[in-house]
Amino acid sequence: KVLPKAGIYLFSNGEQHLYVGRTNSIRKRLQQHCRSG
């Protein structure tokens, strides 16, 4: 429910770290990456 507004995010598959991104709106950016539409 609570996420930082701006910062760095890291996608990992298990212990394998795959992709790092940065944004000024973490929640919105994660939604853009993951939503089916």
All heavy atoms as atom14 arrays in JSON, in Angstrom:
{
  "sequence": "KVLPKAGIYLFSNGEQHLYVGRTNSIRKRLQQHCRSG",
  "atom14_mask": [
    [1, 1, 1, 1, 1, 1, 1, 1, 1, 0, 0, 0, 0, 0],
    [1, 1, 1, 1, 1, 1, 1, 0, 0, 0, 0, 0, 0, 0],
    [1, 1, 1, 1, 1, 1, 1, 1, 0, 0, 0, 0, 0, 0],
    [1, 1, 1, 1, 1, 1, 1, 0, 0, 0, 0, 0, 0, 0],
    [1, 1, 1, 1, 1, 1, 1, 1, 1, 0, 0, 0, 0, 0],
    [1, 1, 1, 1, 1, 0, 0, 0, 0, 0, 0, 0, 0, 0],
    [1, 1, 1, 1, 0, 0, 0, 0, 0, 0, 0, 0, 0, 0],
    [1, 1, 1, 1, 1, 1, 1, 1, 0, 0, 0, 0, 0, 0],
    [1, 1, 1, 1, 1, 1, 1, 1, 1, 1, 1, 1, 0, 0],
    [1, 1, 1, 1, 1, 1, 1, 1, 0, 0, 0, 0, 0, 0],
    [1, 1, 1, 1, 1, 1, 1, 1, 1, 1, 1, 0, 0, 0],
    [1, 1, 1, 1, 1, 1, 0, 0, 0, 0, 0, 0, 0, 0],
    [1, 1, 1, 1, 1, 1, 1, 1, 0, 0, 0, 0, 0, 0],
    [1, 1, 1, 1, 0, 0, 0, 0, 0, 0, 0, 0, 0, 0],
    [1, 1, 1, 1, 1, 1, 1, 1, 1, 0, 0, 0, 0, 0],
    [1, 1, 1, 1, 1, 1, 1, 1, 1, 0, 0, 0, 0, 0],
    [1, 1, 1, 1, 1, 1, 1, 1, 1, 1, 0, 0, 0, 0],
    [1, 1, 1, 1, 1, 1, 1, 1, 0, 0, 0, 0, 0, 0],
    [1, 1, 1, 1, 1, 1, 1, 1, 1, 1, 1, 1, 0, 0],
    [1, 1, 1, 1, 1, 1, 1, 0, 0, 0, 0, 0, 0, 0],
    [1, 1, 1, 1, 0, 0, 0, 0, 0, 0, 0, 0, 0, 0],
    [1, 1, 1, 1, 1, 1, 1, 1, 1, 1, 1, 0, 0, 0],
    [1, 1, 1, 1, 1, 1, 1, 0, 0, 0, 0, 0, 0, 0],
    [1, 1, 1, 1, 1, 1, 1, 1, 0, 0, 0, 0, 0, 0],
    [1, 1, 1, 1, 1, 1, 0, 0, 0, 0, 0, 0, 0, 0],
    [1, 1, 1, 1, 1, 1, 1, 1, 0, 0, 0, 0, 0, 0],
    [1, 1, 1, 1, 1, 1, 1, 1, 1, 1, 1, 0, 0, 0],
    [1, 1, 1, 1, 1, 1, 1, 1, 1, 0, 0, 0, 0, 0],
    [1, 1, 1, 1, 1, 1, 1, 1, 1, 1, 1, 0, 0, 0],
    [1, 1, 1, 1, 1, 1, 1, 1, 0, 0, 0, 0, 0, 0],
    [1, 1, 1, 1, 1, 1, 1, 1, 1, 0, 0, 0, 0, 0],
    [1, 1, 1, 1, 1, 1, 1, 1, 1, 0, 0, 0, 0, 0],
    [1, 1, 1, 1, 1, 1, 1, 1, 1, 1, 0, 0, 0, 0],
    [1, 1, 1, 1, 1, 1, 0, 0, 0, 0, 0, 0, 0, 0],
    [1, 1, 1, 1, 1, 1, 1, 1, 1, 1, 1, 0, 0, 0],
    [1, 1, 1, 1, 1, 1, 0, 0, 0, 0, 0, 0, 0, 0],
    [1, 1, 1, 1, 0, 0, 0, 0, 0, 0, 0, 0, 0, 0]
  ],
  "atom14_positions": [
    [[0.83, -1.21, 0.0], [0.0, 0.0, 0.0], [0.86, 1.25, 0.0], [0.5, 2.26, -0.59], [-0.92, 0.0, 1.21], [-2.02, -1.04, 1.15], [-2.97, -0.88, 2.31], [-3.93, -2.0, 2.5], [-4.8, -2.37, 1.48], [0.0, 0.0, 0.0], [0.0, 0.0, 0.0], [0.0, 0.0, 0.0], [0.0, 0.0, 0.0], [0.0, 0.0, 0.0]],
    [[2.01, 1.17, 0.67], [2.91, 2.32, 0.74], [4.18, 1.99, -0.03], [4.86, 1.02, 0.26], [3.26, 2.66, 2.21], [4.25, 3.8, 2.27], [2.0, 2.97, 3.0], [0.0, 0.0, 0.0], [0.0, 0.0, 0.0], [0.0, 0.0, 0.0], [0.0, 0.0, 0.0], [0.0, 0.0, 0.0], [0.0, 0.0, 0.0], [0.0, 0.0, 0.0]],
    [[4.44, 2.8, -1.04], [5.67, 2.71, -1.82], [6.29, 4.09, -1.88], [5.57, 5.1, -1.83], [5.36, 2.26, -3.26], [5.03, 0.81, -3.51], [4.57, 0.6, -4.94], [6.24, -0.06, -3.23], [0.0, 0.0, 0.0], [0.0, 0.0, 0.0], [0.0, 0.0, 0.0], [0.0, 0.0, 0.0], [0.0, 0.0, 0.0], [0.0, 0.0, 0.0]],
    [[7.6, 4.16, -2.01], [8.2, 5.48, -2.22], [7.63, 6.12, -3.48], [7.23, 5.41, -4.41], [9.69, 5.18, -2.4], [9.89, 3.79, -1.94], [8.58, 3.08, -2.04], [0.0, 0.0, 0.0], [0.0, 0.0, 0.0], [0.0, 0.0, 0.0], [0.0, 0.0, 0.0], [0.0, 0.0, 0.0], [0.0, 0.0, 0.0], [0.0, 0.0, 0.0]],
    [[7.58, 7.42, -3.5], [7.09, 8.12, -4.69], [8.09, 7.97, -5.84], [7.74, 7.53, -6.92], [6.89, 9.61, -4.35], [6.58, 10.49, -5.54], [5.13, 10.48, -5.89], [4.86, 11.52, -6.96], [4.2, 11.03, -8.12], [0.0, 0.0, 0.0], [0.0, 0.0, 0.0], [0.0, 0.0, 0.0], [0.0, 0.0, 0.0], [0.0, 0.0, 0.0]],
    [[9.34, 8.32, -5.6], [10.37, 8.31, -6.63], [11.53, 7.43, -6.19], [11.79, 7.31, -4.99], [10.87, 9.73, -6.89], [0.0, 0.0, 0.0], [0.0, 0.0, 0.0], [0.0, 0.0, 0.0], [0.0, 0.0, 0.0], [0.0, 0.0, 0.0], [0.0, 0.0, 0.0], [0.0, 0.0, 0.0], [0.0, 0.0, 0.0], [0.0, 0.0, 0.0]],
    [[12.19, 6.81, -7.16], [13.35, 6.01, -6.79], [13.74, 5.0, -7.83], [13.49, 5.15, -9.02], [0.0, 0.0, 0.0], [0.0, 0.0, 0.0], [0.0, 0.0, 0.0], [0.0, 0.0, 0.0], [0.0, 0.0, 0.0], [0.0, 0.0, 0.0], [0.0, 0.0, 0.0], [0.0, 0.0, 0.0], [0.0, 0.0, 0.0], [0.0, 0.0, 0.0]],
    [[14.33, 3.93, -7.33], [14.87, 2.85, -8.14], [14.05, 1.6, -7.88], [13.65, 1.34, -6.75], [16.34, 2.57, -7.73], [17.21, 3.81, -7.89], [16.94, 1.39, -8.5], [17.33, 4.32, -9.29], [0.0, 0.0, 0.0], [0.0, 0.0, 0.0], [0.0, 0.0, 0.0], [0.0, 0.0, 0.0], [0.0, 0.0, 0.0], [0.0, 0.0, 0.0]],
    [[13.83, 0.81, -8.92], [13.16, -0.48, -8.77], [14.0, -1.55, -9.44], [14.74, -1.28, -10.38], [11.73, -0.47, -9.32], [11.64, -0.06, -10.77], [11.69, -1.01, -11.79], [11.49, 1.27, -11.13], [11.61, -0.64, -13.12], [11.41, 1.66, -12.46], [11.47, 0.7, -13.45], [11.4, 1.07, -14.76], [0.0, 0.0, 0.0], [0.0, 0.0, 0.0]],
    [[13.91, -2.76, -8.92], [14.7, -3.88, -9.4], [13.77, -5.08, -9.61], [13.06, -5.47, -8.68], [15.78, -4.23, -8.38], [16.58, -5.51, -8.59], [17.4, -5.45, -9.87], [17.48, -5.77, -7.37], [0.0, 0.0, 0.0], [0.0, 0.0, 0.0], [0.0, 0.0, 0.0], [0.0, 0.0, 0.0], [0.0, 0.0, 0.0], [0.0, 0.0, 0.0]],
    [[13.78, -5.63, -10.83], [13.06, -6.86, -11.12], [14.04, -8.02, -11.03], [15.12, -7.97, -11.64], [12.48, -6.86, -12.55], [11.2, -6.09, -12.69], [11.19, -4.79, -13.15], [9.98, -6.7, -12.4], [10.02, -4.09, -13.32], [8.79, -6.01, -12.56], [8.81, -4.7, -13.01], [0.0, 0.0, 0.0], [0.0, 0.0, 0.0], [0.0, 0.0, 0.0]],
    [[13.65, -9.07, -10.3], [14.49, -10.26, -10.16], [13.64, -11.5, -10.35], [12.46, -11.51, -9.99], [15.13, -10.31, -8.76], [15.85, -9.14, -8.5], [0.0, 0.0, 0.0], [0.0, 0.0, 0.0], [0.0, 0.0, 0.0], [0.0, 0.0, 0.0], [0.0, 0.0, 0.0], [0.0, 0.0, 0.0], [0.0, 0.0, 0.0], [0.0, 0.0, 0.0]],
    [[14.26, -12.52, -10.89], [13.62, -13.82, -11.02], [14.37, -14.74, -10.07], [15.48, -15.17, -10.37], [13.7, -14.31, -12.46], [12.74, -15.44, -12.73], [11.97, -15.83, -11.87], [12.79, -15.96, -13.94], [0.0, 0.0, 0.0], [0.0, 0.0, 0.0], [0.0, 0.0, 0.0], [0.0, 0.0, 0.0], [0.0, 0.0, 0.0], [0.0, 0.0, 0.0]],
    [[13.8, -14.98, -8.91], [14.53, -15.69, -7.87], [15.7, -14.82, -7.42], [15.54, -13.66, -7.1], [0.0, 0.0, 0.0], [0.0, 0.0, 0.0], [0.0, 0.0, 0.0], [0.0, 0.0, 0.0], [0.0, 0.0, 0.0], [0.0, 0.0, 0.0], [0.0, 0.0, 0.0], [0.0, 0.0, 0.0], [0.0, 0.0, 0.0], [0.0, 0.0, 0.0]],
    [[16.88, -15.39, -7.46], [18.09, -14.64, -7.08], [18.77, -13.98, -8.27], [19.81, -13.35, -8.11], [19.08, -15.57, -6.36], [18.56, -16.08, -5.03], [18.24, -14.95, -4.05], [19.08, -14.05, -3.89], [17.14, -14.97, -3.47], [0.0, 0.0, 0.0], [0.0, 0.0, 0.0], [0.0, 0.0, 0.0], [0.0, 0.0, 0.0], [0.0, 0.0, 0.0]],
    [[18.21, -14.16, -9.45], [18.8, -13.56, -10.65], [18.2, -12.17, -10.86], [17.01, -12.03, -11.16], [18.55, -14.44, -11.88], [19.25, -13.92, -13.11], [18.97, -14.76, -14.34], [18.05, -15.56, -14.38], [19.78, -14.57, -15.36], [0.0, 0.0, 0.0], [0.0, 0.0, 0.0], [0.0, 0.0, 0.0], [0.0, 0.0, 0.0], [0.0, 0.0, 0.0]],
    [[19.03, -11.17, -10.7], [18.6, -9.79, -10.87], [18.66, -9.43, -12.36], [19.7, -9.58, -13.0], [19.48, -8.86, -10.04], [19.53, -9.26, -8.6], [18.41, -9.27, -7.79], [20.55, -9.7, -7.83], [18.74, -9.68, -6.59], [20.04, -9.95, -6.58], [0.0, 0.0, 0.0], [0.0, 0.0, 0.0], [0.0, 0.0, 0.0], [0.0, 0.0, 0.0]],
    [[17.52, -8.98, -12.89], [17.39, -8.85, -14.33], [17.37, -7.42, -14.86], [17.95, -7.14, -15.91], [16.11, -9.56, -14.78], [16.05, -11.05, -14.48], [14.69, -11.61, -14.83], [17.16, -11.8, -15.19], [0.0, 0.0, 0.0], [0.0, 0.0, 0.0], [0.0, 0.0, 0.0], [0.0, 0.0, 0.0], [0.0, 0.0, 0.0], [0.0, 0.0, 0.0]],
    [[16.66, -6.54, -14.18], [16.43, -5.22, -14.76], [16.27, -4.18, -13.65], [15.54, -4.4, -12.69], [15.16, -5.25, -15.62], [14.85, -3.94, -16.31], [15.53, -3.55, -17.46], [13.87, -3.1, -15.81], [15.25, -2.35, -18.09], [13.57, -1.9, -16.45], [14.26, -1.52, -17.58], [13.97, -0.35, -18.2], [0.0, 0.0, 0.0], [0.0, 0.0, 0.0]],
    [[16.95, -3.06, -13.82], [16.88, -1.94, -12.89], [16.29, -0.75, -13.64], [16.66, -0.49, -14.79], [18.29, -1.54, -12.39], [18.21, -0.43, -11.36], [19.04, -2.73, -11.85], [0.0, 0.0, 0.0], [0.0, 0.0, 0.0], [0.0, 0.0, 0.0], [0.0, 0.0, 0.0], [0.0, 0.0, 0.0], [0.0, 0.0, 0.0], [0.0, 0.0, 0.0]],
    [[15.39, -0.05, -12.99], [14.83, 1.16, -13.59], [14.73, 2.26, -12.57], [14.91, 2.04, -11.37], [0.0, 0.0, 0.0], [0.0, 0.0, 0.0], [0.0, 0.0, 0.0], [0.0, 0.0, 0.0], [0.0, 0.0, 0.0], [0.0, 0.0, 0.0], [0.0, 0.0, 0.0], [0.0, 0.0, 0.0], [0.0, 0.0, 0.0], [0.0, 0.0, 0.0]],
    [[14.46, 3.44, -13.06], [14.28, 4.59, -12.17], [13.07, 5.38, -12.63], [12.71, 5.34, -13.82], [15.51, 5.47, -12.14], [15.8, 6.18, -13.44], [17.11, 6.94, -13.34], [17.46, 7.56, -14.59], [17.37, 8.86, -14.83], [16.96, 9.69, -13.9], [17.7, 9.34, -16.0], [0.0, 0.0, 0.0], [0.0, 0.0, 0.0], [0.0, 0.0, 0.0]],
    [[12.45, 6.04, -11.69], [11.22, 6.77, -12.01], [10.9, 7.78, -10.93], [11.37, 7.65, -9.79], [10.04, 5.79, -12.18], [8.87, 6.51, -12.55], [9.77, 5.01, -10.91], [0.0, 0.0, 0.0], [0.0, 0.0, 0.0], [0.0, 0.0, 0.0], [0.0, 0.0, 0.0], [0.0, 0.0, 0.0], [0.0, 0.0, 0.0], [0.0, 0.0, 0.0]],
    [[10.08, 8.73, -11.27], [9.57, 9.68, -10.28], [8.19, 9.26, -9.78], [7.57, 9.98, -9.01], [9.53, 11.09, -10.86], [10.92, 11.66, -10.97], [11.8, 11.36, -10.16], [11.15, 12.48, -11.98], [0.0, 0.0, 0.0], [0.0, 0.0, 0.0], [0.0, 0.0, 0.0], [0.0, 0.0, 0.0], [0.0, 0.0, 0.0], [0.0, 0.0, 0.0]],
    [[7.71, 8.11, -10.25], [6.42, 7.59, -9.8], [6.48, 6.06, -9.82], [6.06, 5.42, -10.79], [5.3, 8.1, -10.71], [4.06, 7.61, -10.27], [0.0, 0.0, 0.0], [0.0, 0.0, 0.0], [0.0, 0.0, 0.0], [0.0, 0.0, 0.0], [0.0, 0.0, 0.0], [0.0, 0.0, 0.0], [0.0, 0.0, 0.0], [0.0, 0.0, 0.0]],
    [[7.0, 5.48, -8.74], [7.25, 4.03, -8.71], [5.99, 3.23, -8.96], [5.97, 2.32, -9.8], [7.94, 3.63, -7.39], [9.39, 4.14, -7.4], [7.9, 2.12, -7.2], [10.17, 3.86, -6.14], [0.0, 0.0, 0.0], [0.0, 0.0, 0.0], [0.0, 0.0, 0.0], [0.0, 0.0, 0.0], [0.0, 0.0, 0.0], [0.0, 0.0, 0.0]],
    [[4.92, 3.52, -8.25], [3.69, 2.72, -8.42], [3.21, 2.75, -9.88], [2.93, 1.72, -10.48], [2.58, 3.22, -7.49], [1.29, 2.41, -7.59], [0.25, 2.86, -6.57], [0.73, 2.77, -5.21], [0.77, 1.64, -4.48], [0.34, 0.52, -5.0], [1.22, 1.66, -3.24], [0.0, 0.0, 0.0], [0.0, 0.0, 0.0], [0.0, 0.0, 0.0]],
    [[3.14, 3.93, -10.45], [2.68, 4.08, -11.83], [3.61, 3.35, -12.81], [3.14, 2.67, -13.72], [2.58, 5.56, -12.2], [2.1, 5.82, -13.6], [2.02, 7.3, -13.89], [1.65, 7.56, -15.32], [1.68, 8.99, -15.64], [0.0, 0.0, 0.0], [0.0, 0.0, 0.0], [0.0, 0.0, 0.0], [0.0, 0.0, 0.0], [0.0, 0.0, 0.0]],
    [[4.92, 3.46, -12.57], [5.87, 2.82, -13.49], [5.78, 1.3, -13.42], [5.82, 0.63, -14.45], [7.3, 3.29, -13.19], [8.31, 2.79, -14.22], [8.05, 3.46, -15.57], [8.89, 2.88, -16.61], [8.44, 2.12, -17.6], [7.14, 1.84, -17.72], [9.26, 1.64, -18.51], [0.0, 0.0, 0.0], [0.0, 0.0, 0.0], [0.0, 0.0, 0.0]],
    [[5.63, 0.76, -12.23], [5.47, -0.69, -12.11], [4.19, -1.15, -12.81], [4.18, -2.21, -13.46], [5.47, -1.11, -10.64], [6.81, -0.93, -9.91], [6.65, -1.29, -8.43], [7.93, -1.72, -10.56], [0.0, 0.0, 0.0], [0.0, 0.0, 0.0], [0.0, 0.0, 0.0], [0.0, 0.0, 0.0], [0.0, 0.0, 0.0], [0.0, 0.0, 0.0]],
    [[3.13, -0.38, -12.69], [1.89, -0.7, -13.39], [2.11, -0.69, -14.9], [1.61, -1.57, -15.62], [0.79, 0.28, -13.0], [0.33, 0.11, -11.57], [-0.59, 1.22, -11.1], [-0.64, 2.3, -11.68], [-1.29, 0.95, -10.0], [0.0, 0.0, 0.0], [0.0, 0.0, 0.0], [0.0, 0.0, 0.0], [0.0, 0.0, 0.0], [0.0, 0.0, 0.0]],
    [[2.85, 0.28, -15.39], [3.12, 0.35, -16.83], [3.9, -0.88, -17.29], [3.66, -1.4, -18.38], [3.9, 1.62, -17.17], [3.09, 2.87, -17.02], [3.93, 4.13, -17.16], [5.12, 4.14, -16.83], [3.31, 5.19, -17.66], [0.0, 0.0, 0.0], [0.0, 0.0, 0.0], [0.0, 0.0, 0.0], [0.0, 0.0, 0.0], [0.0, 0.0, 0.0]],
    [[4.84, -1.33, -16.5], [5.62, -2.52, -16.87], [4.76, -3.78, -16.88], [4.96, -4.65, -17.73], [6.77, -2.74, -15.86], [8.02, -2.0, -16.17], [8.79, -2.22, -17.28], [8.66, -1.03, -15.46], [9.85, -1.43, -17.26], [9.78, -0.7, -16.16], [0.0, 0.0, 0.0], [0.0, 0.0, 0.0], [0.0, 0.0, 0.0], [0.0, 0.0, 0.0]],
    [[3.84, -3.91, -15.94], [3.22, -5.21, -15.65], [1.78, -5.39, -16.12], [1.34, -6.53, -16.29], [3.26, -5.47, -14.15], [4.94, -5.6, -13.5], [0.0, 0.0, 0.0], [0.0, 0.0, 0.0], [0.0, 0.0, 0.0], [0.0, 0.0, 0.0], [0.0, 0.0, 0.0], [0.0, 0.0, 0.0], [0.0, 0.0, 0.0], [0.0, 0.0, 0.0]],
    [[1.03, -4.35, -16.27], [-0.38, -4.52, -16.61], [-0.53, -5.15, -17.99], [0.2, -4.84, -18.92], [-1.11, -3.18, -16.59], [-1.42, -2.74, -15.19], [-2.42, -1.63, -15.19], [-2.86, -1.35, -13.84], [-3.26, -0.17, -13.43], [-3.31, 0.84, -14.26], [-3.63, 0.0, -12.18], [0.0, 0.0, 0.0], [0.0, 0.0, 0.0], [0.0, 0.0, 0.0]],
    [[-1.52, -6.02, -18.1], [-1.71, -6.75, -19.36], [-2.0, -5.81, -20.52], [-1.62, -6.1, -21.65], [-2.83, -7.78, -19.21], [-4.03, -7.15, -18.82], [0.0, 0.0, 0.0], [0.0, 0.0, 0.0], [0.0, 0.0, 0.0], [0.0, 0.0, 0.0], [0.0, 0.0, 0.0], [0.0, 0.0, 0.0], [0.0, 0.0, 0.0], [0.0, 0.0, 0.0]],
    [[-2.63, -4.67, -20.27], [-2.96, -3.74, -21.35], [-1.88, -2.72, -21.66], [-2.07, -1.87, -22.52], [0.0, 0.0, 0.0], [0.0, 0.0, 0.0], [0.0, 0.0, 0.0], [0.0, 0.0, 0.0], [0.0, 0.0, 0.0], [0.0, 0.0, 0.0], [0.0, 0.0, 0.0], [0.0, 0.0, 0.0], [0.0, 0.0, 0.0], [0.0, 0.0, 0.0]]
  ]
}
